[in-house]
PDB file of N, CA and C in Angstrom:
ATOM      1  N   UNK A   1     -21.588  -0.838  -0.030  1.00  0.00           N
ATOM      2  CA  UNK A   1     -22.043  -0.109  -1.198  1.00  0.00           C
ATOM      3  C   UNK A   1     -21.658  -0.883  -2.445  1.00  0.00           C
ATOM      4  N   UNK A   2     -22.577  -1.058  -3.331  1.00  0.00           N
ATOM      5  CA  UNK A   2     -22.324  -1.719  -4.605  1.00  0.00           C
ATOM      6  C   UNK A   2     -22.116  -0.690  -5.694  1.00  0.00           C
ATOM      7  N   UNK A   3     -21.195  -0.977  -6.583  1.00  0.00           N
ATOM      8  CA  UNK A   3     -20.951  -0.128  -7.736  1.00  0.00           C
ATOM      9  C   UNK A   3     -20.880  -1.037  -8.954  1.00  0.00           C
ATOM     10  N   UNK A   4     -21.475  -0.592 -10.032  1.00  0.00           N
ATOM     11  CA  UNK A   4     -21.416  -1.413 -11.235  1.00  0.00           C
ATOM     12  C   UNK A   4     -20.010  -1.354 -11.829  1.00  0.00           C
ATOM     13  N   UNK A   5     -19.667  -2.393 -12.556  1.00  0.00           N
ATOM     14  CA  UNK A   5     -18.357  -2.425 -13.210  1.00  0.00           C
ATOM     15  C   UNK A   5     -18.220  -1.257 -14.177  1.00  0.00           C
ATOM     16  N   UNK A   6     -19.275  -0.966 -14.899  1.00  0.00           N
ATOM     17  CA  UNK A   6     -19.246   0.132 -15.872  1.00  0.00           C
ATOM     18  C   UNK A   6     -18.985   1.471 -15.187  1.00  0.00           C
ATOM     19  N   UNK A   7     -19.670   1.729 -14.090  1.00  0.00           N
ATOM     20  CA  UNK A   7     -19.473   2.976 -13.347  1.00  0.00           C
ATOM     21  C   UNK A   7     -18.042   3.081 -12.828  1.00  0.00           C
ATOM     22  N   UNK A   8     -17.514   1.971 -12.328  1.00  0.00           N
ATOM     23  CA  UNK A   8     -16.143   1.970 -11.825  1.00  0.00           C
ATOM     24  C   UNK A   8     -15.156   2.303 -12.943  1.00  0.00           C
ATOM     25  N   UNK A   9     -15.324   1.685 -14.100  1.00  0.00           N
ATOM     26  CA  UNK A   9     -14.405   1.907 -15.218  1.00  0.00           C
ATOM     27  C   UNK A   9     -14.503   3.349 -15.725  1.00  0.00           C
ATOM     28  N   UNK A  10     -15.704   3.899 -15.745  1.00  0.00           N
ATOM     29  CA  UNK A  10     -15.883   5.300 -16.138  1.00  0.00           C
ATOM     30  C   UNK A  10     -15.141   6.213 -15.170  1.00  0.00           C
ATOM     31  N   UNK A  11     -15.341   5.992 -13.877  1.00  0.00           N
ATOM     32  CA  UNK A  11     -14.702   6.840 -12.876  1.00  0.00           C
ATOM     33  C   UNK A  11     -13.184   6.666 -12.864  1.00  0.00           C
ATOM     34  N   UNK A  12     -12.712   5.461 -13.108  1.00  0.00           N
ATOM     35  CA  UNK A  12     -11.274   5.224 -13.194  1.00  0.00           C
ATOM     36  C   UNK A  12     -10.680   6.019 -14.353  1.00  0.00           C
ATOM     37  N   UNK A  13     -11.330   5.983 -15.500  1.00  0.00           N
ATOM     38  CA  UNK A  13     -10.841   6.735 -16.656  1.00  0.00           C
ATOM     39  C   UNK A  13     -10.806   8.226 -16.403  1.00  0.00           C
ATOM     40  N   UNK A  14     -11.839   8.744 -15.782  1.00  0.00           N
ATOM     41  CA  UNK A  14     -11.883  10.173 -15.442  1.00  0.00           C
ATOM     42  C   UNK A  14     -10.742  10.518 -14.503  1.00  0.00           C
ATOM     43  N   UNK A  15     -10.518   9.677 -13.512  1.00  0.00           N
ATOM     44  CA  UNK A  15      -9.463   9.933 -12.530  1.00  0.00           C
ATOM     45  C   UNK A  15      -8.079   9.880 -13.182  1.00  0.00           C
ATOM     46  N   UNK A  16      -7.858   8.924 -14.058  1.00  0.00           N
ATOM     47  CA  UNK A  16      -6.576   8.846 -14.751  1.00  0.00           C
ATOM     48  C   UNK A  16      -6.353  10.113 -15.582  1.00  0.00           C
ATOM     49  N   UNK A  17      -7.393  10.567 -16.278  1.00  0.00           N
ATOM     50  CA  UNK A  17      -7.272  11.810 -17.048  1.00  0.00           C
ATOM     51  C   UNK A  17      -6.920  12.988 -16.141  1.00  0.00           C
ATOM     52  N   UNK A  18      -7.581  13.085 -14.989  1.00  0.00           N
ATOM     53  CA  UNK A  18      -7.305  14.179 -14.059  1.00  0.00           C
ATOM     54  C   UNK A  18      -5.868  14.115 -13.549  1.00  0.00           C
ATOM     55  N   UNK A  19      -5.408  12.923 -13.205  1.00  0.00           N
ATOM     56  CA  UNK A  19      -4.026  12.770 -12.740  1.00  0.00           C
ATOM     57  C   UNK A  19      -3.031  13.125 -13.840  1.00  0.00           C
ATOM     58  N   UNK A  20      -3.312  12.697 -15.056  1.00  0.00           N
ATOM     59  CA  UNK A  20      -2.443  13.006 -16.190  1.00  0.00           C
ATOM     60  C   UNK A  20      -2.367  14.513 -16.410  1.00  0.00           C
ATOM     61  N   UNK A  21      -3.520  15.167 -16.415  1.00  0.00           N
ATOM     62  CA  UNK A  21      -3.560  16.612 -16.628  1.00  0.00           C
ATOM     63  C   UNK A  21      -2.859  17.360 -15.503  1.00  0.00           C
ATOM     64  N   UNK A  22      -3.014  16.879 -14.273  1.00  0.00           N
ATOM     65  CA  UNK A  22      -2.345  17.502 -13.125  1.00  0.00           C
ATOM     66  C   UNK A  22      -0.827  17.461 -13.285  1.00  0.00           C
ATOM     67  N   UNK A  23      -0.324  16.393 -13.895  1.00  0.00           N
ATOM     68  CA  UNK A  23       1.116  16.256 -14.145  1.00  0.00           C
ATOM     69  C   UNK A  23       1.549  17.026 -15.388  1.00  0.00           C
ATOM     70  N   UNK A  24       0.600  17.604 -16.099  1.00  0.00           N
ATOM     71  CA  UNK A  24       0.917  18.365 -17.302  1.00  0.00           C
ATOM     72  C   UNK A  24       1.286  17.500 -18.491  1.00  0.00           C
ATOM     73  N   UNK A  25       0.792  16.269 -18.497  1.00  0.00           N
ATOM     74  CA  UNK A  25       1.102  15.349 -19.584  1.00  0.00           C
ATOM     75  C   UNK A  25      -0.037  15.297 -20.595  1.00  0.00           C
ATOM     76  N   UNK A  26       0.319  15.213 -21.853  1.00  0.00           N
ATOM     77  CA  UNK A  26      -0.671  14.941 -22.891  1.00  0.00           C
ATOM     78  C   UNK A  26      -0.924  13.441 -22.914  1.00  0.00           C
ATOM     79  N   UNK A  27      -1.956  13.043 -23.632  1.00  0.00           N
ATOM     80  CA  UNK A  27      -2.190  11.606 -23.792  1.00  0.00           C
ATOM     81  C   UNK A  27      -0.988  10.954 -24.468  1.00  0.00           C
ATOM     82  N   UNK A  28      -0.410  11.634 -25.459  1.00  0.00           N
ATOM     83  CA  UNK A  28       0.751  11.086 -26.148  1.00  0.00           C
ATOM     84  C   UNK A  28       1.948  10.969 -25.206  1.00  0.00           C
ATOM     85  N   UNK A  29       2.136  11.970 -24.368  1.00  0.00           N
ATOM     86  CA  UNK A  29       3.238  11.924 -23.410  1.00  0.00           C
ATOM     87  C   UNK A  29       3.105  10.767 -22.437  1.00  0.00           C
ATOM     88  N   UNK A  30       1.897  10.561 -21.921  1.00  0.00           N
ATOM     89  CA  UNK A  30       1.667   9.443 -21.010  1.00  0.00           C
ATOM     90  C   UNK A  30       1.845   8.119 -21.741  1.00  0.00           C
ATOM     91  N   UNK A  31       1.333   8.046 -22.951  1.00  0.00           N
ATOM     92  CA  UNK A  31       1.468   6.822 -23.738  1.00  0.00           C
ATOM     93  C   UNK A  31       2.938   6.493 -23.979  1.00  0.00           C
ATOM     94  N   UNK A  32       3.714   7.510 -24.319  1.00  0.00           N
ATOM     95  CA  UNK A  32       5.150   7.304 -24.547  1.00  0.00           C
ATOM     96  C   UNK A  32       5.835   6.806 -23.283  1.00  0.00           C
ATOM     97  N   UNK A  33       5.493   7.403 -22.149  1.00  0.00           N
ATOM     98  CA  UNK A  33       6.090   6.995 -20.871  1.00  0.00           C
ATOM     99  C   UNK A  33       5.702   5.569 -20.490  1.00  0.00           C
ATOM    100  N   UNK A  34       4.537   5.122 -20.937  1.00  0.00           N
ATOM    101  CA  UNK A  34       4.037   3.784 -20.624  1.00  0.00           C
ATOM    102  C   UNK A  34       4.411   2.747 -21.687  1.00  0.00           C
ATOM    103  N   UNK A  35       4.918   3.243 -22.805  1.00  0.00           N
ATOM    104  CA  UNK A  35       5.225   2.372 -23.944  1.00  0.00           C
ATOM    105  C   UNK A  35       3.970   1.650 -24.464  1.00  0.00           C
ATOM    106  N   UNK A  36       2.885   2.419 -24.533  1.00  0.00           N
ATOM    107  CA  UNK A  36       1.640   1.933 -25.123  1.00  0.00           C
ATOM    108  C   UNK A  36       1.140   3.003 -26.093  1.00  0.00           C
ATOM    109  N   UNK A  37       0.105   2.691 -26.836  1.00  0.00           N
ATOM    110  CA  UNK A  37      -0.385   3.649 -27.832  1.00  0.00           C
ATOM    111  C   UNK A  37      -1.224   4.756 -27.195  1.00  0.00           C
ATOM    112  N   UNK A  38      -1.208   5.909 -27.871  1.00  0.00           N
ATOM    113  CA  UNK A  38      -2.044   7.030 -27.429  1.00  0.00           C
ATOM    114  C   UNK A  38      -3.513   6.632 -27.473  1.00  0.00           C
ATOM    115  N   UNK A  39      -3.893   5.858 -28.480  1.00  0.00           N
ATOM    116  CA  UNK A  39      -5.298   5.463 -28.590  1.00  0.00           C
ATOM    117  C   UNK A  39      -5.719   4.596 -27.407  1.00  0.00           C
ATOM    118  N   UNK A  40      -4.796   3.806 -26.860  1.00  0.00           N
ATOM    119  CA  UNK A  40      -5.130   3.003 -25.684  1.00  0.00           C
ATOM    120  C   UNK A  40      -5.376   3.903 -24.477  1.00  0.00           C
ATOM    121  N   UNK A  41      -4.535   4.921 -24.300  1.00  0.00           N
ATOM    122  CA  UNK A  41      -4.757   5.882 -23.207  1.00  0.00           C
ATOM    123  C   UNK A  41      -6.118   6.550 -23.394  1.00  0.00           C
ATOM    124  N   UNK A  42      -6.409   6.975 -24.607  1.00  0.00           N
ATOM    125  CA  UNK A  42      -7.685   7.644 -24.877  1.00  0.00           C
ATOM    126  C   UNK A  42      -8.857   6.724 -24.562  1.00  0.00           C
ATOM    127  N   UNK A  43      -8.768   5.471 -24.967  1.00  0.00           N
ATOM    128  CA  UNK A  43      -9.867   4.525 -24.711  1.00  0.00           C
ATOM    129  C   UNK A  43     -10.030   4.243 -23.220  1.00  0.00           C
ATOM    130  N   UNK A  44      -8.938   4.228 -22.468  1.00  0.00           N
ATOM    131  CA  UNK A  44      -9.019   4.040 -21.012  1.00  0.00           C
ATOM    132  C   UNK A  44      -9.725   5.233 -20.384  1.00  0.00           C
ATOM    133  N   UNK A  45      -9.326   6.430 -20.802  1.00  0.00           N
ATOM    134  CA  UNK A  45      -9.890   7.641 -20.201  1.00  0.00           C
ATOM    135  C   UNK A  45     -11.378   7.825 -20.480  1.00  0.00           C
ATOM    136  N   UNK A  46     -11.855   7.303 -21.589  1.00  0.00           N
ATOM    137  CA  UNK A  46     -13.288   7.433 -21.893  1.00  0.00           C
ATOM    138  C   UNK A  46     -14.038   6.123 -21.686  1.00  0.00           C
ATOM    139  N   UNK A  47     -13.425   5.203 -20.980  1.00  0.00           N
ATOM    140  CA  UNK A  47     -14.064   3.949 -20.562  1.00  0.00           C
ATOM    141  C   UNK A  47     -14.527   3.092 -21.738  1.00  0.00           C
ATOM    142  N   UNK A  48     -13.771   3.104 -22.816  1.00  0.00           N
ATOM    143  CA  UNK A  48     -14.091   2.244 -23.954  1.00  0.00           C
ATOM    144  C   UNK A  48     -13.486   0.856 -23.787  1.00  0.00           C
ATOM    145  N   UNK A  49     -12.478   0.738 -22.903  1.00  0.00           N
ATOM    146  CA  UNK A  49     -11.862  -0.565 -22.638  1.00  0.00           C
ATOM    147  C   UNK A  49     -11.679  -0.742 -21.141  1.00  0.00           C
ATOM    148  N   UNK A  50     -11.652  -1.972 -20.744  1.00  0.00           N
ATOM    149  CA  UNK A  50     -11.351  -2.350 -19.367  1.00  0.00           C
ATOM    150  C   UNK A  50      -9.903  -2.822 -19.381  1.00  0.00           C
ATOM    151  N   UNK A  51      -9.005  -1.962 -18.946  1.00  0.00           N
ATOM    152  CA  UNK A  51      -7.579  -2.252 -19.066  1.00  0.00           C
ATOM    153  C   UNK A  51      -7.102  -3.214 -17.983  1.00  0.00           C
ATOM    154  N   UNK A  52      -5.971  -3.817 -18.225  1.00  0.00           N
ATOM    155  CA  UNK A  52      -5.415  -4.793 -17.304  1.00  0.00           C
ATOM    156  C   UNK A  52      -4.511  -4.188 -16.246  1.00  0.00           C
ATOM    157  N   UNK A  53      -4.173  -4.995 -15.287  1.00  0.00           N
ATOM    158  CA  UNK A  53      -3.338  -4.568 -14.165  1.00  0.00           C
ATOM    159  C   UNK A  53      -1.967  -4.118 -14.642  1.00  0.00           C
ATOM    160  N   UNK A  54      -1.373  -4.828 -15.586  1.00  0.00           N
ATOM    161  CA  UNK A  54      -0.042  -4.449 -16.070  1.00  0.00           C
ATOM    162  C   UNK A  54      -0.045  -3.032 -16.628  1.00  0.00           C
ATOM    163  N   UNK A  55      -1.067  -2.703 -17.381  1.00  0.00           N
ATOM    164  CA  UNK A  55      -1.160  -1.352 -17.940  1.00  0.00           C
ATOM    165  C   UNK A  55      -1.386  -0.324 -16.843  1.00  0.00           C
ATOM    166  N   UNK A  56      -2.202  -0.654 -15.851  1.00  0.00           N
ATOM    167  CA  UNK A  56      -2.425   0.274 -14.744  1.00  0.00           C
ATOM    168  C   UNK A  56      -1.137   0.534 -13.967  1.00  0.00           C
ATOM    169  N   UNK A  57      -0.316  -0.481 -13.805  1.00  0.00           N
ATOM    170  CA  UNK A  57       0.972  -0.294 -13.126  1.00  0.00           C
ATOM    171  C   UNK A  57       1.866   0.616 -13.966  1.00  0.00           C
ATOM    172  N   UNK A  58       1.882   0.432 -15.275  1.00  0.00           N
ATOM    173  CA  UNK A  58       2.669   1.303 -16.158  1.00  0.00           C
ATOM    174  C   UNK A  58       2.200   2.755 -16.030  1.00  0.00           C
ATOM    175  N   UNK A  59       0.886   2.947 -16.005  1.00  0.00           N
ATOM    176  CA  UNK A  59       0.330   4.296 -15.878  1.00  0.00           C
ATOM    177  C   UNK A  59       0.724   4.913 -14.544  1.00  0.00           C
ATOM    178  N   UNK A  60       0.584   4.153 -13.469  1.00  0.00           N
ATOM    179  CA  UNK A  60       0.959   4.662 -12.140  1.00  0.00           C
ATOM    180  C   UNK A  60       2.437   5.035 -12.113  1.00  0.00           C
ATOM    181  N   UNK A  61       3.291   4.192 -12.658  1.00  0.00           N
ATOM    182  CA  UNK A  61       4.721   4.495 -12.686  1.00  0.00           C
ATOM    183  C   UNK A  61       5.007   5.760 -13.483  1.00  0.00           C
ATOM    184  N   UNK A  62       4.347   5.908 -14.629  1.00  0.00           N
ATOM    185  CA  UNK A  62       4.545   7.091 -15.463  1.00  0.00           C
ATOM    186  C   UNK A  62       4.070   8.360 -14.761  1.00  0.00           C
ATOM    187  N   UNK A  63       3.034   8.223 -13.934  1.00  0.00           N
ATOM    188  CA  UNK A  63       2.510   9.370 -13.181  1.00  0.00           C
ATOM    189  C   UNK A  63       3.244   9.575 -11.863  1.00  0.00           C
ATOM    190  N   UNK A  64       4.187   8.690 -11.572  1.00  0.00           N
ATOM    191  CA  UNK A  64       4.986   8.744 -10.350  1.00  0.00           C
ATOM    192  C   UNK A  64       4.114   8.679  -9.098  1.00  0.00           C
ATOM    193  N   UNK A  65       3.170   7.732  -9.121  1.00  0.00           N
ATOM    194  CA  UNK A  65       2.291   7.505  -7.975  1.00  0.00           C
ATOM    195  C   UNK A  65       2.240   6.012  -7.682  1.00  0.00           C
ATOM    196  N   UNK A  66       1.769   5.675  -6.500  1.00  0.00           N
ATOM    197  CA  UNK A  66       1.537   4.280  -6.147  1.00  0.00           C
ATOM    198  C   UNK A  66       0.319   3.786  -6.940  1.00  0.00           C
ATOM    199  N   UNK A  67       0.343   2.558  -7.419  1.00  0.00           N
ATOM    200  CA  UNK A  67      -0.807   2.048  -8.174  1.00  0.00           C
ATOM    201  C   UNK A  67      -2.143   2.213  -7.441  1.00  0.00           C
ATOM    202  N   UNK A  68      -2.131   2.073  -6.122  1.00  0.00           N
ATOM    203  CA  UNK A  68      -3.394   2.196  -5.379  1.00  0.00           C
ATOM    204  C   UNK A  68      -4.007   3.585  -5.514  1.00  0.00           C
ATOM    205  N   UNK A  69      -3.189   4.600  -5.818  1.00  0.00           N
ATOM    206  CA  UNK A  69      -3.710   5.956  -5.972  1.00  0.00           C
ATOM    207  C   UNK A  69      -4.619   6.084  -7.199  1.00  0.00           C
ATOM    208  N   UNK A  70      -4.466   5.186  -8.160  1.00  0.00           N
ATOM    209  CA  UNK A  70      -5.350   5.214  -9.324  1.00  0.00           C
ATOM    210  C   UNK A  70      -6.794   4.933  -8.931  1.00  0.00           C
ATOM    211  N   UNK A  71      -6.965   4.253  -7.801  1.00  0.00           N
ATOM    212  CA  UNK A  71      -8.310   3.870  -7.345  1.00  0.00           C
ATOM    213  C   UNK A  71      -8.846   4.788  -6.247  1.00  0.00           C
ATOM    214  N   UNK A  72      -8.136   5.866  -5.991  1.00  0.00           N
ATOM    215  CA  UNK A  72      -8.525   6.792  -4.933  1.00  0.00           C
ATOM    216  C   UNK A  72      -9.434   7.889  -5.513  1.00  0.00           C
ATOM    217  N   UNK A  73     -10.656   7.502  -5.807  1.00  0.00           N
ATOM    218  CA  UNK A  73     -11.631   8.445  -6.353  1.00  0.00           C
ATOM    219  C   UNK A  73     -12.997   8.112  -5.795  1.00  0.00           C
ATOM    220  N   UNK A  74     -13.873   9.116  -5.798  1.00  0.00           N
ATOM    221  CA  UNK A  74     -15.240   8.860  -5.356  1.00  0.00           C
ATOM    222  C   UNK A  74     -16.056   8.455  -6.576  1.00  0.00           C
ATOM    223  N   UNK A  75     -17.013   7.605  -6.349  1.00  0.00           N
ATOM    224  CA  UNK A  75     -17.848   7.118  -7.442  1.00  0.00           C
ATOM    225  C   UNK A  75     -19.092   7.967  -7.553  1.00  0.00           C
ATOM    226  N   UNK A  76     -19.555   8.132  -8.758  1.00  0.00           N
ATOM    227  CA  UNK A  76     -20.740   8.961  -9.011  1.00  0.00           C
ATOM    228  C   UNK A  76     -21.799   8.143  -9.682  1.00  0.00           C
TER     229      UNK A  76
END
């Protein structure tokens, strides 16, 4: 199955938002835990940027999950 890069990034952002909300974290709370800006979290969640691996690891650590769990979503 092929998926476009854009579709993947959109779905990744949605999944990160869902995981963040499940943990009861605001965008600011997640940003603080990751030591990045709230605007960067917001841009990731709405697929305005293609974030790097280092940031994804920070997000996974802040959410207390394995990094691979960030990619555990179905594509639409």
